[in-house]
Protein backbone atom coordinates (compact mmCIF):
# COMPACT_ATOMS: atom_id res chain seq x y z
CA MET A 1 -0.32 -0.40 -0.12
CA THR A 2 1.43 3.63 -0.76
CA LEU A 3 0.67 6.51 0.91
CA LYS A 4 -3.03 8.75 -1.33
CA THR A 5 -4.33 10.58 1.05
CA LEU A 6 -2.75 12.47 4.68
CA LEU A 7 -4.83 14.20 6.69
CA SER A 8 -3.61 17.52 8.68
CA VAL A 9 -5.58 18.84 11.47
CA ILE A 10 -5.17 22.74 12.32
CA GLY A 11 -7.28 24.65 14.73
CA VAL A 12 -8.45 27.95 14.50
CA ASP A 13 -5.83 30.74 15.96
CA GLN A 14 -2.81 28.18 14.34
CA SER A 15 -0.25 29.94 11.62
CA ASP A 16 -0.16 28.58 8.63
CA ALA A 17 3.15 26.54 9.45
CA ASP A 18 2.19 22.82 10.13
CA LEU A 19 -0.42 23.18 7.13
CA GLU A 20 2.94 24.66 4.60
CA THR A 21 4.72 21.33 5.86
CA ALA A 22 1.76 19.30 5.20
CA LEU A 23 1.04 20.40 1.34
CA ALA A 24 5.03 20.12 1.36
CA LEU A 25 4.79 16.38 2.29
CA SER A 26 1.86 15.53 0.61
CA GLY A 27 3.78 17.00 -2.95
CA ASP A 28 6.76 15.18 -2.19
CA SER A 29 4.66 11.67 -2.17
CA ASN A 30 1.91 12.71 -5.02
CA ALA A 31 -0.60 12.15 -2.00
CA HIS A 32 -4.13 14.34 -1.51
CA LEU A 33 -4.09 16.22 1.29
CA SER A 34 -7.26 16.63 3.47
CA VAL A 35 -6.90 20.08 5.58
CA PHE A 36 -9.86 19.23 8.31
CA VAL A 37 -10.00 22.63 10.01
CA VAL A 38 -11.41 22.45 13.90
CA SER A 39 -12.24 24.42 16.73
CA VAL A 40 -13.47 23.21 19.86
CA ALA A 41 -17.03 24.49 20.97
CA ALA A 42 -16.87 26.19 25.20
CA PRO A 43 -19.15 23.80 27.39
CA PRO A 44 -22.45 24.57 28.24
CA PRO A 45 -23.53 26.51 31.32
CA VAL A 46 -24.88 24.35 34.09
CA GLY A 47 -25.85 25.05 37.98
CA GLU A 48 -27.96 27.18 39.20
CA TYR A 49 -26.50 30.15 37.46
CA ALA A 50 -27.04 28.91 33.97
CA ALA A 51 -29.85 30.61 32.89
CA MET A 52 -27.83 34.15 33.53
CA ILE A 53 -24.45 33.22 31.74
CA SER A 54 -26.42 31.13 28.74
CA GLU A 55 -26.41 34.74 26.68
CA PRO A 56 -23.14 34.98 27.11
CA TRP A 57 -22.21 31.35 25.91
CA MET A 58 -24.30 31.85 22.98
CA ALA A 59 -22.28 34.92 21.24
CA GLU A 60 -19.32 32.94 22.24
CA ARG A 61 -20.46 30.00 20.33
CA LYS A 62 -21.55 32.46 17.60
CA LEU A 63 -18.35 33.89 17.09
CA ASP A 64 -16.32 30.45 17.51
CA LEU A 65 -18.60 29.39 14.35
CA ALA A 66 -17.69 32.79 12.50
CA ASN A 67 -14.22 32.36 13.33
CA LEU A 68 -14.10 28.66 12.26
CA GLN A 69 -15.71 29.89 9.02
CA LYS A 70 -12.84 32.77 8.27
CA ARG A 71 -10.38 30.20 8.76
CA THR A 72 -11.55 27.85 6.86
CA ASP A 73 -11.49 30.37 4.06
CA ASP A 74 -8.08 31.34 4.52
CA VAL A 75 -7.00 28.28 4.39
CA THR A 76 -9.31 27.21 0.91
CA LYS A 77 -7.57 30.38 -0.22
CA LEU A 78 -4.17 29.82 0.85
CA ILE A 79 -4.55 26.44 -1.17
CA SER A 80 -6.30 27.59 -3.93
CA ALA A 81 -3.28 28.80 -6.56
CA SER A 82 -1.60 25.09 -5.52
CA GLU A 83 -1.74 22.76 -8.22
CA GLN A 84 -1.54 19.68 -5.54
CA SER A 85 -4.99 17.87 -4.68
CA VAL A 86 -6.37 19.01 -1.86
CA ASP A 87 -9.43 19.26 0.41
CA VAL A 88 -10.66 21.24 2.99
CA THR A 89 -13.40 20.85 5.97
CA GLY A 90 -13.97 22.40 9.04
CA ASP A 91 -15.78 21.20 12.17
CA TYR A 92 -17.04 23.11 15.25
CA ALA A 93 -16.59 19.98 17.74
CA GLU A 94 -18.20 19.53 20.88
CA ALA A 95 -15.40 19.15 23.66
CA ALA A 96 -16.52 15.56 24.75
CA TRP A 97 -16.29 13.95 21.39
CA THR A 98 -13.40 16.16 19.70
CA ASP A 99 -11.24 13.12 19.30
CA GLU A 100 -13.78 10.75 17.87
CA VAL A 101 -14.88 13.43 15.35
CA VAL A 102 -11.25 13.31 14.38
CA GLY A 103 -11.17 9.77 14.67
CA GLN A 104 -13.61 9.54 12.31
CA ARG A 105 -12.34 11.70 9.88
CA ALA A 106 -9.05 10.35 9.98
CA ARG A 107 -10.67 6.66 9.12
CA TYR A 108 -10.67 7.88 5.46
CA THR A 109 -6.99 8.79 4.67
CA ASP A 110 -4.00 6.67 5.13
CA LEU A 111 -1.89 9.08 7.45
CA THR A 112 -2.76 11.84 9.85
CA LEU A 113 -0.18 14.50 10.22
CA LEU A 114 0.39 16.42 13.97
CA GLY A 115 2.75 19.66 13.50
CA PRO A 116 4.81 20.96 15.76
CA GLU A 117 2.01 23.32 16.46
CA LEU A 118 -1.02 21.72 16.66
CA ARG A 119 1.17 19.14 19.06
CA GLU A 120 1.86 22.14 21.53
CA ASP A 121 -2.07 23.51 21.64
CA ASP A 122 -2.89 22.32 25.26
CA ARG A 123 -6.48 21.28 24.58
CA LEU A 124 -6.87 20.68 20.70
CA GLY A 125 -3.37 19.25 20.14
CA SER A 126 -4.44 16.20 22.76
CA PHE A 127 -7.85 15.98 21.42
CA VAL A 128 -6.02 15.19 17.66
CA LEU A 129 -3.48 13.08 19.21
CA ASN A 130 -5.94 10.41 21.17
CA GLY A 131 -8.61 10.96 17.86
CA ALA A 132 -6.15 9.70 15.44
CA LEU A 133 -4.28 7.28 17.18
CA PHE A 134 -7.02 5.21 19.08
CA ASP A 135 -10.26 6.21 17.04
CA SER A 136 -9.62 5.91 13.79
CA GLY A 137 -7.52 2.07 13.05
CA LYS A 138 -4.81 4.07 10.85
CA PRO A 139 -1.12 5.77 12.05
CA VAL A 140 -0.05 9.44 12.85
CA LEU A 141 3.08 11.45 12.09
CA VAL A 142 4.33 13.48 14.62
CA LEU A 143 6.34 16.09 13.71
CA PRO A 144 9.07 17.34 15.70
CA LYS A 145 10.14 21.54 15.63
CA ARG A 146 12.72 21.55 14.54
CA GLY A 147 14.62 19.38 11.46
CA GLY A 148 12.98 17.96 8.00
CA ALA A 149 10.30 15.71 7.32
CA THR A 150 10.14 13.19 4.28
CA LEU A 151 7.94 10.27 3.54
CA SER A 152 10.81 9.39 1.07
CA PRO A 153 13.52 8.47 4.64
CA LYS A 154 16.73 6.86 3.50
CA ARG A 155 17.34 5.69 6.90
CA VAL A 156 14.91 4.57 9.58
CA MET A 157 14.67 3.15 13.22
CA ILE A 158 11.83 0.92 14.48
CA ALA A 159 11.53 0.95 18.10
CA TRP A 160 10.77 -2.41 18.47
CA ASP A 161 9.86 -4.84 21.40
CA SER A 162 7.71 -7.65 20.04
CA ARG A 163 4.05 -6.15 21.37
CA LEU A 164 1.30 -6.35 19.11
CA GLU A 165 1.29 -2.14 18.73
CA ALA A 166 4.92 -2.28 17.24
CA SER A 167 3.81 -5.18 15.05
CA ARG A 168 1.28 -3.29 13.81
CA ALA A 169 3.54 0.23 13.22
CA VAL A 170 5.47 -1.95 11.48
CA SER A 171 3.16 -3.36 8.65
CA GLU A 172 1.62 0.27 8.77
CA ALA A 173 5.15 1.68 8.08
CA LEU A 174 6.04 -0.86 5.45
CA PRO A 175 5.36 1.22 1.84
CA LEU A 176 8.15 3.69 3.88
CA LEU A 177 10.79 1.28 5.19
CA THR A 178 10.98 -0.99 1.50
CA GLY A 179 12.14 2.34 0.33
CA ALA A 180 14.80 2.85 2.81
CA GLU A 181 18.70 2.17 2.47
CA GLN A 182 18.81 0.96 6.11
CA VAL A 183 16.50 0.42 8.22
CA HIS A 184 17.88 -0.40 12.20
CA VAL A 185 15.43 -2.54 14.63
CA ALA A 186 16.75 -1.19 18.19
CA MET A 187 15.38 -2.90 21.22
CA VAL A 188 16.33 -1.49 24.75
CA ASP A 189 17.17 -4.50 27.45
CA PRO A 190 15.81 -7.42 25.33
CA VAL A 191 15.01 -11.13 26.95
CA ALA A 192 15.63 -13.87 24.92
CA ASN A 193 13.16 -16.31 25.63
CA GLU A 194 9.69 -17.62 24.16
CA ARG A 195 7.79 -15.66 25.81
CA ASP A 196 9.57 -12.12 24.85
CA SER A 197 11.84 -11.60 22.49
CA GLY A 198 12.31 -15.34 20.83
CA PRO A 199 15.56 -17.05 21.96
CA GLU A 200 17.48 -14.44 19.56
CA PRO A 201 16.05 -10.96 20.27
CA GLY A 202 15.11 -9.48 17.05
CA ALA A 203 15.59 -12.26 14.57
CA ASP A 204 12.25 -12.72 13.69
CA ILE A 205 11.22 -9.28 13.00
CA ALA A 206 14.68 -8.84 11.00
CA THR A 207 13.65 -12.17 8.92
CA TYR A 208 10.21 -10.50 8.08
CA LEU A 209 11.43 -7.35 7.09
CA ALA A 210 14.35 -8.96 4.50
CA ARG A 211 11.09 -10.93 3.11
CA HIS A 212 9.71 -7.47 1.94
CA GLY A 213 13.36 -6.59 0.20
CA VAL A 214 14.18 -4.12 3.51
CA ASN A 215 17.91 -3.62 4.27
CA VAL A 216 17.58 -4.44 7.92
CA THR A 217 19.93 -4.33 11.06
CA VAL A 218 19.21 -5.45 14.50
CA ASP A 219 20.52 -3.22 17.25
CA ARG A 220 20.47 -4.56 20.96
CA LEU A 221 20.91 -1.53 23.18
CA PRO A 222 21.05 -1.70 27.10
CA SER A 223 20.23 1.36 29.36
CA GLY A 224 22.60 1.24 31.25
CA GLU A 225 19.47 2.91 33.99
CA ARG A 226 18.54 5.48 31.57
CA LYS A 227 14.69 5.42 30.07
CA ALA A 228 14.40 3.38 27.29
CA ALA A 229 12.67 6.27 25.82
CA HIS A 230 16.20 8.45 26.06
CA VAL A 231 18.14 5.36 25.05
CA LEU A 232 16.14 5.13 21.57
CA GLY A 233 16.22 8.96 20.77
CA ARG A 234 19.54 9.01 21.21
CA HIS A 235 20.49 6.18 19.06
CA ALA A 236 18.10 7.42 16.55
CA VAL A 237 20.13 10.75 16.45
CA ASP A 238 23.98 8.24 16.55
CA VAL A 239 22.25 6.40 13.27
CA SER A 240 20.78 9.51 11.67
CA ALA A 241 17.71 8.54 11.50
CA GLU A 242 15.12 10.28 9.28
CA LEU A 243 12.26 8.48 11.02
CA ILE A 244 11.17 6.52 14.00
CA VAL A 245 8.52 3.88 14.03
CA MET A 246 6.73 2.62 17.16
CA GLY A 247 3.81 1.85 18.50
CA ALA A 248 1.37 3.68 20.25
CA TYR A 249 0.81 2.33 23.82
CA ARG A 250 -1.55 3.60 26.46
CA HIS A 251 -4.07 3.02 29.40
CA SER A 252 -8.09 4.07 28.90
CA ARG A 253 -10.05 5.42 32.34
CA LEU A 254 -13.16 5.94 30.98
CA ARG A 255 -12.95 8.70 28.16
CA GLU A 256 -9.71 9.96 29.45
CA ARG A 257 -6.37 8.42 27.10
CA LEU A 258 -3.10 7.79 29.06
CA PHE A 259 0.13 7.49 27.35
CA GLY A 260 2.32 4.44 28.41
CA GLY A 261 5.40 5.95 29.52
CA VAL A 262 7.85 5.02 26.56
CA THR A 263 4.96 6.86 24.26
CA ARG A 264 5.04 9.16 26.30
CA THR A 265 8.30 10.75 26.63
CA MET A 266 8.72 10.37 22.84
CA LEU A 267 6.06 12.34 22.43
CA GLU A 268 7.08 15.73 24.78
CA GLU A 269 9.84 15.91 22.34
CA PRO A 270 10.57 13.73 19.33
CA PRO A 271 13.95 13.78 18.21
CA VAL A 272 12.64 13.16 14.50
CA PRO A 273 9.65 12.59 13.12
CA LEU A 274 7.41 9.61 14.33
CA PHE A 275 5.53 6.99 12.67
CA MET A 276 2.93 5.90 15.41
CA ALA A 277 0.34 3.47 15.05
CA HIS A 278 -1.70 1.72 18.10
């Protein structure tokens, strides 16, 4: 499978930086770009004073809708001069359902792009990340603040731990892995037994990738009492990786999504673009 449709979610108050990156990535990969402009609605007033503040709340929603329409129009105008295949839609989403709204939209694309400006939005960024990762069944590309991004990486690092999420991420990333010159399978403190990574950690995934024509090397890394995420991030820099492929782990509590330790740390400041799947 090749990447034919990319999704870029942007907020009403964002600049065009994330959008310009998305346009460049879709252009380089000859993919259609879907731009989804999202505004998160203010929650309705509750309690004994609800009636008193309902008018200001309605006025705020009316202003939000006007700003959403203006931002959608501005984005449409910005990309109108482009010869690329692009569509633009907007949504005024209730806070309780924003992640599901994004997830439903992402189901009809191959990859969701999460730019640094959106990632730093404490409200919308978490909704988009949760929805795209856990409600769409599709992968996400998390873009760092610094450095370029490409969908044709020459050197890739896979953060491998033999778990289902890592396997899913590798499967989704195959179109990128097969085009790379070198792929490093990185394992931190792997355990050599049948229940974990097999008698020779990394051998099974290396064989699988080699059958797809991937030039693969297995790197078994000692943690030295450092966090696994820090070891992986350092190794990605050491091997000059242009992309990290890894599974996204979570713990669910009702509608709140809590990321596992390695996932959370890597998301805080990714050293290079992260290709993630759950």
